[in-house]
N, C-alpha and C. Protein backbone atom coordinates (compact mmCIF):
# COMPACT_ATOMS: atom_id res chain seq x y z
N MET A 1 -39.75 4.15 36.76
CA MET A 1 -38.86 5.17 37.29
C MET A 1 -39.23 5.47 38.73
N ASN A 2 -38.30 5.27 39.57
CA ASN A 2 -38.56 5.49 40.98
C ASN A 2 -37.70 6.65 41.48
N LEU A 3 -38.03 7.85 41.04
CA LEU A 3 -37.27 9.02 41.44
C LEU A 3 -37.68 9.48 42.82
N LYS A 4 -36.71 10.01 43.54
CA LYS A 4 -36.96 10.50 44.89
C LYS A 4 -36.45 11.93 45.00
N ILE A 5 -37.01 12.67 45.96
CA ILE A 5 -36.60 14.05 46.18
C ILE A 5 -35.11 14.12 46.49
N LYS A 6 -34.57 13.12 47.17
CA LYS A 6 -33.14 13.08 47.48
C LYS A 6 -32.31 13.14 46.20
N ASP A 7 -32.76 12.45 45.15
CA ASP A 7 -32.05 12.47 43.87
C ASP A 7 -32.00 13.89 43.30
N LEU A 8 -33.10 14.61 43.47
CA LEU A 8 -33.15 15.99 42.98
C LEU A 8 -32.22 16.89 43.78
N LYS A 9 -32.20 16.70 45.08
CA LYS A 9 -31.35 17.53 45.93
C LYS A 9 -29.88 17.36 45.55
N ASP A 10 -29.49 16.15 45.12
CA ASP A 10 -28.13 15.95 44.63
C ASP A 10 -27.88 16.77 43.37
N LEU A 11 -28.88 16.82 42.48
CA LEU A 11 -28.74 17.61 41.27
C LEU A 11 -28.61 19.10 41.60
N TYR A 12 -29.36 19.58 42.58
CA TYR A 12 -29.31 21.00 42.94
C TYR A 12 -27.92 21.42 43.44
N LYS A 13 -27.13 20.45 43.88
CA LYS A 13 -25.77 20.73 44.35
C LYS A 13 -24.73 20.60 43.24
N ASP A 14 -25.16 20.14 42.07
CA ASP A 14 -24.26 19.96 40.93
C ASP A 14 -23.74 21.32 40.49
N ALA A 15 -22.43 21.40 40.22
CA ALA A 15 -21.80 22.68 39.87
C ALA A 15 -22.42 23.30 38.62
N ARG A 16 -22.73 22.50 37.63
CA ARG A 16 -23.31 23.02 36.38
C ARG A 16 -24.72 23.56 36.64
N TYR A 17 -25.50 22.84 37.44
CA TYR A 17 -26.85 23.29 37.79
C TYR A 17 -26.78 24.63 38.54
N MET A 18 -25.91 24.69 39.54
CA MET A 18 -25.79 25.92 40.34
C MET A 18 -25.31 27.09 39.47
N ALA A 19 -24.40 26.83 38.55
CA ALA A 19 -23.89 27.90 37.68
C ALA A 19 -25.00 28.43 36.77
N LEU A 20 -25.76 27.54 36.17
CA LEU A 20 -26.84 27.98 35.29
C LEU A 20 -27.90 28.74 36.09
N GLN A 21 -28.26 28.22 37.24
CA GLN A 21 -29.27 28.90 38.05
C GLN A 21 -28.77 30.30 38.45
N GLN A 22 -27.50 30.39 38.83
CA GLN A 22 -26.95 31.69 39.21
C GLN A 22 -26.93 32.65 38.02
N ASP A 23 -26.59 32.14 36.84
CA ASP A 23 -26.66 32.96 35.62
C ASP A 23 -28.07 33.51 35.42
N LEU A 24 -29.05 32.64 35.58
CA LEU A 24 -30.44 33.05 35.39
C LEU A 24 -30.85 34.07 36.44
N PHE A 25 -30.50 33.82 37.70
CA PHE A 25 -30.85 34.76 38.77
C PHE A 25 -30.24 36.13 38.47
N SER A 26 -29.01 36.13 38.02
CA SER A 26 -28.34 37.39 37.72
C SER A 26 -29.05 38.13 36.57
N GLN A 27 -29.34 37.43 35.51
CA GLN A 27 -29.96 38.07 34.36
C GLN A 27 -31.42 38.48 34.62
N LEU A 28 -32.11 37.72 35.45
CA LEU A 28 -33.50 38.04 35.78
C LEU A 28 -33.60 38.99 36.97
N GLN A 29 -32.46 39.27 37.59
CA GLN A 29 -32.38 40.15 38.75
C GLN A 29 -33.25 39.66 39.90
N ILE A 30 -33.09 38.37 40.20
CA ILE A 30 -33.76 37.77 41.35
C ILE A 30 -32.72 37.07 42.21
N GLU A 31 -33.08 36.76 43.43
CA GLU A 31 -32.18 36.06 44.35
C GLU A 31 -32.84 34.78 44.82
N SER A 32 -32.01 33.90 45.34
CA SER A 32 -32.52 32.66 45.92
C SER A 32 -33.09 32.95 47.30
N ASP A 33 -34.14 32.23 47.65
CA ASP A 33 -34.65 32.34 49.02
C ASP A 33 -33.94 31.33 49.92
N GLY A 34 -33.04 30.53 49.32
CA GLY A 34 -32.22 29.60 50.09
C GLY A 34 -32.87 28.26 50.41
N GLU A 35 -34.09 28.06 49.95
CA GLU A 35 -34.80 26.82 50.26
C GLU A 35 -35.39 26.20 49.00
N PRO A 36 -35.28 24.88 48.84
CA PRO A 36 -36.01 24.25 47.74
C PRO A 36 -37.49 24.14 48.11
N CYS A 37 -38.33 24.19 47.13
CA CYS A 37 -39.78 24.05 47.36
C CYS A 37 -40.15 22.59 47.17
N THR A 38 -40.40 21.90 48.25
CA THR A 38 -40.67 20.46 48.21
C THR A 38 -41.91 20.12 47.39
N ASP A 39 -42.94 20.96 47.46
CA ASP A 39 -44.15 20.70 46.68
C ASP A 39 -43.85 20.72 45.18
N LEU A 40 -43.03 21.68 44.76
CA LEU A 40 -42.64 21.73 43.34
C LEU A 40 -41.81 20.52 42.96
N CYS A 41 -40.95 20.07 43.86
CA CYS A 41 -40.15 18.86 43.61
C CYS A 41 -41.06 17.67 43.34
N LYS A 42 -42.06 17.53 44.19
CA LYS A 42 -42.98 16.39 44.04
C LYS A 42 -43.71 16.46 42.70
N LEU A 43 -44.19 17.65 42.35
CA LEU A 43 -44.89 17.81 41.07
C LEU A 43 -43.96 17.52 39.90
N ASP A 44 -42.73 18.00 39.97
CA ASP A 44 -41.79 17.76 38.89
C ASP A 44 -41.47 16.28 38.74
N LEU A 45 -41.33 15.59 39.86
CA LEU A 45 -41.08 14.14 39.80
C LEU A 45 -42.26 13.41 39.19
N GLN A 46 -43.47 13.78 39.58
CA GLN A 46 -44.67 13.16 39.00
C GLN A 46 -44.75 13.47 37.50
N GLY A 47 -44.43 14.71 37.15
CA GLY A 47 -44.45 15.11 35.75
C GLY A 47 -43.41 14.38 34.92
N MET A 48 -42.21 14.21 35.48
CA MET A 48 -41.16 13.47 34.77
C MET A 48 -41.60 12.04 34.52
N SER A 49 -42.23 11.46 35.52
CA SER A 49 -42.71 10.09 35.38
C SER A 49 -43.78 10.01 34.28
N ALA A 50 -44.71 10.96 34.29
CA ALA A 50 -45.77 10.98 33.27
C ALA A 50 -45.18 11.18 31.87
N ALA A 51 -44.09 11.93 31.79
CA ALA A 51 -43.45 12.19 30.51
C ALA A 51 -42.44 11.10 30.13
N GLU A 52 -42.28 10.12 31.01
CA GLU A 52 -41.34 9.02 30.78
C GLU A 52 -39.92 9.53 30.57
N LEU A 53 -39.53 10.43 31.46
CA LEU A 53 -38.21 11.05 31.41
C LEU A 53 -37.46 10.67 32.68
N ASN A 54 -36.15 10.48 32.58
CA ASN A 54 -35.39 10.14 33.77
C ASN A 54 -34.34 11.21 34.07
N LEU A 55 -33.80 11.16 35.27
CA LEU A 55 -32.85 12.17 35.73
C LEU A 55 -31.57 12.21 34.91
N PRO A 56 -30.99 11.07 34.51
CA PRO A 56 -29.80 11.15 33.66
C PRO A 56 -30.07 11.89 32.34
N GLN A 57 -31.26 11.75 31.79
CA GLN A 57 -31.59 12.48 30.56
C GLN A 57 -31.63 13.98 30.82
N VAL A 58 -32.21 14.37 31.95
CA VAL A 58 -32.30 15.78 32.31
C VAL A 58 -30.90 16.34 32.55
N LYS A 59 -30.08 15.59 33.26
CA LYS A 59 -28.72 16.04 33.55
C LYS A 59 -27.90 16.16 32.26
N ALA A 60 -28.08 15.25 31.33
CA ALA A 60 -27.37 15.32 30.05
C ALA A 60 -27.76 16.60 29.29
N ILE A 61 -29.02 16.95 29.33
CA ILE A 61 -29.48 18.20 28.69
C ILE A 61 -28.78 19.39 29.35
N LEU A 62 -28.72 19.38 30.67
CA LEU A 62 -28.07 20.46 31.42
C LEU A 62 -26.63 20.65 30.94
N TYR A 63 -25.92 19.55 30.77
CA TYR A 63 -24.51 19.63 30.39
C TYR A 63 -24.33 19.89 28.89
N ASP A 64 -25.17 19.31 28.06
CA ASP A 64 -24.98 19.41 26.62
C ASP A 64 -25.58 20.68 26.00
N GLU A 65 -26.61 21.24 26.65
CA GLU A 65 -27.33 22.37 26.02
C GLU A 65 -27.50 23.54 26.99
N TYR A 66 -26.48 23.77 27.78
CA TYR A 66 -26.49 24.81 28.81
C TYR A 66 -27.01 26.15 28.27
N GLU A 67 -26.39 26.64 27.21
CA GLU A 67 -26.75 27.96 26.68
C GLU A 67 -28.18 27.98 26.12
N LYS A 68 -28.58 26.90 25.49
CA LYS A 68 -29.93 26.84 24.94
C LYS A 68 -30.97 26.77 26.05
N VAL A 69 -30.67 26.04 27.11
CA VAL A 69 -31.59 25.99 28.26
C VAL A 69 -31.70 27.38 28.87
N LYS A 70 -30.57 28.06 29.02
CA LYS A 70 -30.58 29.41 29.58
C LYS A 70 -31.44 30.33 28.72
N LYS A 71 -31.26 30.25 27.42
CA LYS A 71 -32.03 31.09 26.50
C LYS A 71 -33.53 30.77 26.61
N TYR A 72 -33.86 29.49 26.72
CA TYR A 72 -35.26 29.05 26.86
C TYR A 72 -35.89 29.67 28.10
N VAL A 73 -35.21 29.54 29.23
CA VAL A 73 -35.76 30.05 30.50
C VAL A 73 -35.90 31.57 30.44
N LEU A 74 -34.90 32.25 29.94
CA LEU A 74 -34.96 33.71 29.86
C LEU A 74 -36.09 34.16 28.93
N GLU A 75 -36.20 33.51 27.79
CA GLU A 75 -37.27 33.83 26.84
C GLU A 75 -38.63 33.63 27.50
N LYS A 76 -38.79 32.52 28.16
CA LYS A 76 -40.07 32.20 28.81
C LYS A 76 -40.38 33.20 29.92
N MET A 77 -39.44 33.42 30.81
CA MET A 77 -39.69 34.31 31.95
C MET A 77 -39.95 35.74 31.50
N ASN A 78 -39.19 36.22 30.53
CA ASN A 78 -39.39 37.58 30.04
C ASN A 78 -40.73 37.72 29.31
N ALA A 79 -41.10 36.71 28.54
CA ALA A 79 -42.36 36.78 27.79
C ALA A 79 -43.57 36.71 28.71
N LEU A 80 -43.47 35.93 29.77
CA LEU A 80 -44.62 35.74 30.65
C LEU A 80 -44.70 36.74 31.78
N SER A 81 -43.66 37.49 32.02
CA SER A 81 -43.63 38.44 33.12
C SER A 81 -44.68 39.53 32.95
N GLY A 82 -45.60 39.58 33.90
CA GLY A 82 -46.60 40.64 33.92
C GLY A 82 -47.65 40.55 32.83
N GLN A 83 -47.62 39.51 32.04
CA GLN A 83 -48.58 39.35 30.95
C GLN A 83 -49.64 38.33 31.34
N PRO A 84 -50.87 38.52 30.86
CA PRO A 84 -51.85 37.44 31.03
C PRO A 84 -51.33 36.23 30.26
N THR A 85 -51.26 35.10 30.93
CA THR A 85 -50.69 33.91 30.29
C THR A 85 -51.61 32.72 30.46
N ALA A 86 -51.25 31.65 29.80
CA ALA A 86 -52.00 30.41 29.91
C ALA A 86 -51.91 29.83 31.31
N GLN A 87 -50.97 30.32 32.13
CA GLN A 87 -50.86 29.81 33.48
C GLN A 87 -51.87 30.44 34.42
N GLU A 88 -52.49 31.53 34.01
CA GLU A 88 -53.45 32.18 34.89
C GLU A 88 -54.73 31.35 34.93
N TYR A 89 -55.35 31.36 36.08
CA TYR A 89 -56.53 30.56 36.29
C TYR A 89 -57.78 31.30 35.84
N PRO A 90 -58.78 30.57 35.35
CA PRO A 90 -60.05 31.21 35.06
C PRO A 90 -60.61 31.82 36.34
N GLU A 91 -61.38 32.88 36.22
CA GLU A 91 -61.85 33.62 37.39
C GLU A 91 -62.60 32.73 38.39
N ASN A 92 -63.36 31.77 37.90
CA ASN A 92 -64.13 30.91 38.80
C ASN A 92 -63.32 29.75 39.38
N GLU A 93 -62.02 29.67 39.04
CA GLU A 93 -61.18 28.58 39.53
C GLU A 93 -59.92 29.10 40.20
N LEU A 94 -59.99 30.26 40.81
CA LEU A 94 -58.81 30.83 41.46
C LEU A 94 -58.34 29.94 42.61
N PRO A 95 -57.05 29.64 42.67
CA PRO A 95 -56.52 28.82 43.75
C PRO A 95 -56.30 29.66 45.00
N ASP A 96 -55.99 28.98 46.10
CA ASP A 96 -55.60 29.68 47.31
C ASP A 96 -54.29 30.42 47.02
N ASP A 97 -54.00 31.43 47.83
CA ASP A 97 -52.76 32.20 47.63
C ASP A 97 -51.54 31.30 47.63
N ASP A 98 -51.55 30.25 48.45
CA ASP A 98 -50.39 29.36 48.54
C ASP A 98 -50.17 28.57 47.26
N ASP A 99 -51.21 28.43 46.45
CA ASP A 99 -51.12 27.61 45.25
C ASP A 99 -50.81 28.40 43.98
N VAL A 100 -50.72 29.70 44.08
CA VAL A 100 -50.50 30.53 42.90
C VAL A 100 -49.10 30.30 42.33
N ALA A 101 -49.01 30.16 41.02
CA ALA A 101 -47.73 29.96 40.36
C ALA A 101 -46.84 31.19 40.56
N PHE A 102 -45.53 30.97 40.51
CA PHE A 102 -44.58 32.07 40.68
C PHE A 102 -44.74 33.08 39.56
N GLU A 103 -44.75 34.32 39.90
CA GLU A 103 -44.73 35.43 38.94
C GLU A 103 -43.41 36.16 39.16
N MET A 104 -42.93 36.84 38.15
CA MET A 104 -41.67 37.57 38.28
C MET A 104 -41.70 38.54 39.44
N GLU A 105 -42.80 39.25 39.62
CA GLU A 105 -42.88 40.21 40.70
C GLU A 105 -42.70 39.52 42.05
N SER A 106 -43.29 38.36 42.19
CA SER A 106 -43.16 37.59 43.42
C SER A 106 -41.71 37.11 43.60
N LEU A 107 -41.09 36.68 42.53
CA LEU A 107 -39.70 36.22 42.60
C LEU A 107 -38.78 37.36 42.98
N GLU A 108 -39.02 38.52 42.40
CA GLU A 108 -38.18 39.67 42.72
C GLU A 108 -38.34 40.08 44.17
N GLU A 109 -39.56 39.97 44.68
CA GLU A 109 -39.86 40.38 46.05
C GLU A 109 -39.40 39.35 47.09
N ASN A 110 -39.71 38.09 46.83
CA ASN A 110 -39.52 37.05 47.84
C ASN A 110 -38.33 36.13 47.58
N GLY A 111 -37.73 36.21 46.41
CA GLY A 111 -36.66 35.29 46.06
C GLY A 111 -37.24 34.03 45.43
N ALA A 112 -36.38 33.29 44.78
CA ALA A 112 -36.79 32.06 44.10
C ALA A 112 -36.31 30.85 44.90
N PRO A 113 -37.07 29.77 44.85
CA PRO A 113 -36.62 28.57 45.55
C PRO A 113 -35.36 28.01 44.89
N ASP A 114 -34.59 27.25 45.63
CA ASP A 114 -33.35 26.68 45.11
C ASP A 114 -33.57 25.73 43.93
N ASN A 115 -34.77 25.27 43.76
CA ASN A 115 -35.07 24.39 42.63
C ASN A 115 -35.80 25.13 41.51
N PHE A 116 -35.66 26.44 41.47
CA PHE A 116 -36.28 27.28 40.45
C PHE A 116 -36.00 26.75 39.05
N LEU A 117 -34.76 26.41 38.76
CA LEU A 117 -34.35 25.98 37.43
C LEU A 117 -34.94 24.63 37.04
N PHE A 118 -35.16 23.76 37.99
CA PHE A 118 -35.47 22.37 37.67
C PHE A 118 -36.71 22.21 36.79
N GLY A 119 -37.79 22.85 37.13
CA GLY A 119 -39.02 22.72 36.33
C GLY A 119 -38.80 23.17 34.89
N HIS A 120 -38.08 24.26 34.72
CA HIS A 120 -37.78 24.76 33.38
C HIS A 120 -36.90 23.76 32.63
N LEU A 121 -35.93 23.20 33.33
CA LEU A 121 -35.02 22.22 32.74
C LEU A 121 -35.79 20.97 32.31
N VAL A 122 -36.72 20.53 33.13
CA VAL A 122 -37.54 19.36 32.79
C VAL A 122 -38.39 19.66 31.56
N GLU A 123 -39.03 20.83 31.54
CA GLU A 123 -39.83 21.20 30.36
C GLU A 123 -38.97 21.15 29.10
N TYR A 124 -37.81 21.77 29.18
CA TYR A 124 -36.91 21.81 28.03
C TYR A 124 -36.55 20.38 27.60
N ALA A 125 -36.18 19.54 28.56
CA ALA A 125 -35.79 18.16 28.25
C ALA A 125 -36.94 17.38 27.61
N ILE A 126 -38.14 17.58 28.11
CA ILE A 126 -39.30 16.89 27.53
C ILE A 126 -39.51 17.35 26.09
N ILE A 127 -39.46 18.65 25.87
CA ILE A 127 -39.66 19.17 24.51
C ILE A 127 -38.56 18.65 23.59
N ARG A 128 -37.35 18.61 24.09
CA ARG A 128 -36.20 18.17 23.28
C ARG A 128 -36.23 16.68 22.98
N LEU A 129 -36.60 15.88 23.98
CA LEU A 129 -36.49 14.43 23.85
C LEU A 129 -37.81 13.70 23.58
N LYS A 130 -38.90 14.22 24.14
CA LYS A 130 -40.18 13.52 24.04
C LYS A 130 -41.33 14.54 23.93
N PRO A 131 -41.33 15.35 22.87
CA PRO A 131 -42.31 16.44 22.78
C PRO A 131 -43.76 15.99 22.86
N ASP A 132 -44.03 14.78 22.42
CA ASP A 132 -45.40 14.28 22.49
C ASP A 132 -45.85 14.00 23.93
N ARG A 133 -44.92 14.02 24.88
CA ARG A 133 -45.25 13.78 26.29
C ARG A 133 -45.41 15.08 27.10
N LEU A 134 -45.17 16.23 26.48
CA LEU A 134 -45.25 17.50 27.20
C LEU A 134 -46.62 17.73 27.79
N ILE A 135 -47.66 17.41 27.06
CA ILE A 135 -49.02 17.64 27.56
C ILE A 135 -49.28 16.81 28.82
N GLU A 136 -48.73 15.61 28.89
CA GLU A 136 -48.89 14.77 30.09
C GLU A 136 -48.22 15.44 31.28
N TYR A 137 -47.04 15.98 31.07
CA TYR A 137 -46.32 16.69 32.12
C TYR A 137 -47.14 17.87 32.62
N LEU A 138 -47.68 18.66 31.70
CA LEU A 138 -48.46 19.84 32.08
C LEU A 138 -49.73 19.45 32.83
N LYS A 139 -50.37 18.39 32.39
CA LYS A 139 -51.60 17.94 33.06
C LYS A 139 -51.32 17.45 34.48
N VAL A 140 -50.24 16.70 34.65
CA VAL A 140 -49.87 16.22 35.99
C VAL A 140 -49.60 17.41 36.92
N ASN A 141 -49.04 18.47 36.36
CA ASN A 141 -48.76 19.67 37.14
C ASN A 141 -49.95 20.61 37.24
N ASP A 142 -51.11 20.16 36.79
CA ASP A 142 -52.36 20.93 36.88
C ASP A 142 -52.24 22.33 36.28
N ILE A 143 -51.60 22.42 35.13
CA ILE A 143 -51.48 23.71 34.44
C ILE A 143 -52.80 23.99 33.72
N PRO A 144 -53.45 25.10 34.10
CA PRO A 144 -54.69 25.45 33.39
C PRO A 144 -54.38 25.77 31.92
N PHE A 145 -55.32 25.49 31.08
CA PHE A 145 -55.16 25.74 29.64
C PHE A 145 -53.88 25.08 29.12
N ALA A 146 -53.70 23.81 29.49
CA ALA A 146 -52.46 23.09 29.19
C ALA A 146 -52.13 23.08 27.71
N ARG A 147 -53.11 22.89 26.84
CA ARG A 147 -52.84 22.85 25.39
C ARG A 147 -52.28 24.19 24.90
N LYS A 148 -52.86 25.28 25.37
CA LYS A 148 -52.39 26.61 24.97
C LYS A 148 -50.97 26.84 25.50
N PHE A 149 -50.74 26.47 26.75
CA PHE A 149 -49.42 26.66 27.35
C PHE A 149 -48.39 25.78 26.66
N GLU A 150 -48.79 24.58 26.25
CA GLU A 150 -47.90 23.69 25.52
C GLU A 150 -47.38 24.39 24.25
N LYS A 151 -48.26 25.04 23.54
CA LYS A 151 -47.87 25.75 22.31
C LYS A 151 -46.90 26.89 22.64
N GLU A 152 -47.16 27.61 23.72
CA GLU A 152 -46.25 28.69 24.12
C GLU A 152 -44.87 28.14 24.45
N LEU A 153 -44.82 27.04 25.21
CA LEU A 153 -43.54 26.44 25.57
C LEU A 153 -42.78 25.97 24.33
N MET A 154 -43.50 25.39 23.38
CA MET A 154 -42.86 24.93 22.15
C MET A 154 -42.27 26.13 21.38
N ALA A 155 -42.96 27.26 21.41
CA ALA A 155 -42.46 28.45 20.72
C ALA A 155 -41.21 28.98 21.43
N PHE A 156 -41.20 28.97 22.78
CA PHE A 156 -40.01 29.40 23.52
C PHE A 156 -38.84 28.48 23.19
N PHE A 157 -39.12 27.19 23.11
CA PHE A 157 -38.08 26.22 22.76
C PHE A 157 -37.51 26.51 21.38
N GLU A 158 -38.38 26.72 20.41
CA GLU A 158 -37.92 27.00 19.04
C GLU A 158 -37.02 28.23 19.01
N THR A 159 -37.42 29.27 19.75
CA THR A 159 -36.61 30.49 19.81
C THR A 159 -35.25 30.21 20.44
N SER A 160 -35.22 29.33 21.44
CA SER A 160 -33.95 29.04 22.12
C SER A 160 -32.98 28.27 21.23
N GLN A 161 -33.47 27.70 20.17
CA GLN A 161 -32.61 26.92 19.27
C GLN A 161 -31.90 27.80 18.25
N ASP A 162 -32.37 29.04 18.09
CA ASP A 162 -31.72 29.97 17.17
C ASP A 162 -30.38 30.40 17.74
N SER A 163 -29.41 30.50 16.91
CA SER A 163 -28.08 30.91 17.37
C SER A 163 -28.00 32.39 17.61
């Protein structure tokens, strides 16, 4: 799989992608900062490769499971907002301020990058299509406590499947 950032930027302009992201921004009461985060794009591409997932698969999930993806992201963001989570770093491994994962408070204050939805969409697609590859995706993205976070993501996914 030879994915490029340009391929992602085309997806960010897709009407369905923009509609879902806008739905999420509205429900989470956050705004776009108007810029995609290139570093996150690179990590997501590396993670997709590690998970053996391709862009057409991700796009198919976006179109076929719009409401479930929305529910997954909302469940995840609401559950993790302001709570100690598996994404937090151990005290002796704190990253630089530039490397800190997005928190809801930060999103509300600074806005979300235009590719906010993509990482969540990729997680959902991996869980849906290749759940045994989720840990590889998390490791490539340097998620601390990846095994614990994997279980949390699987639980959010299960909740999103309920009608």
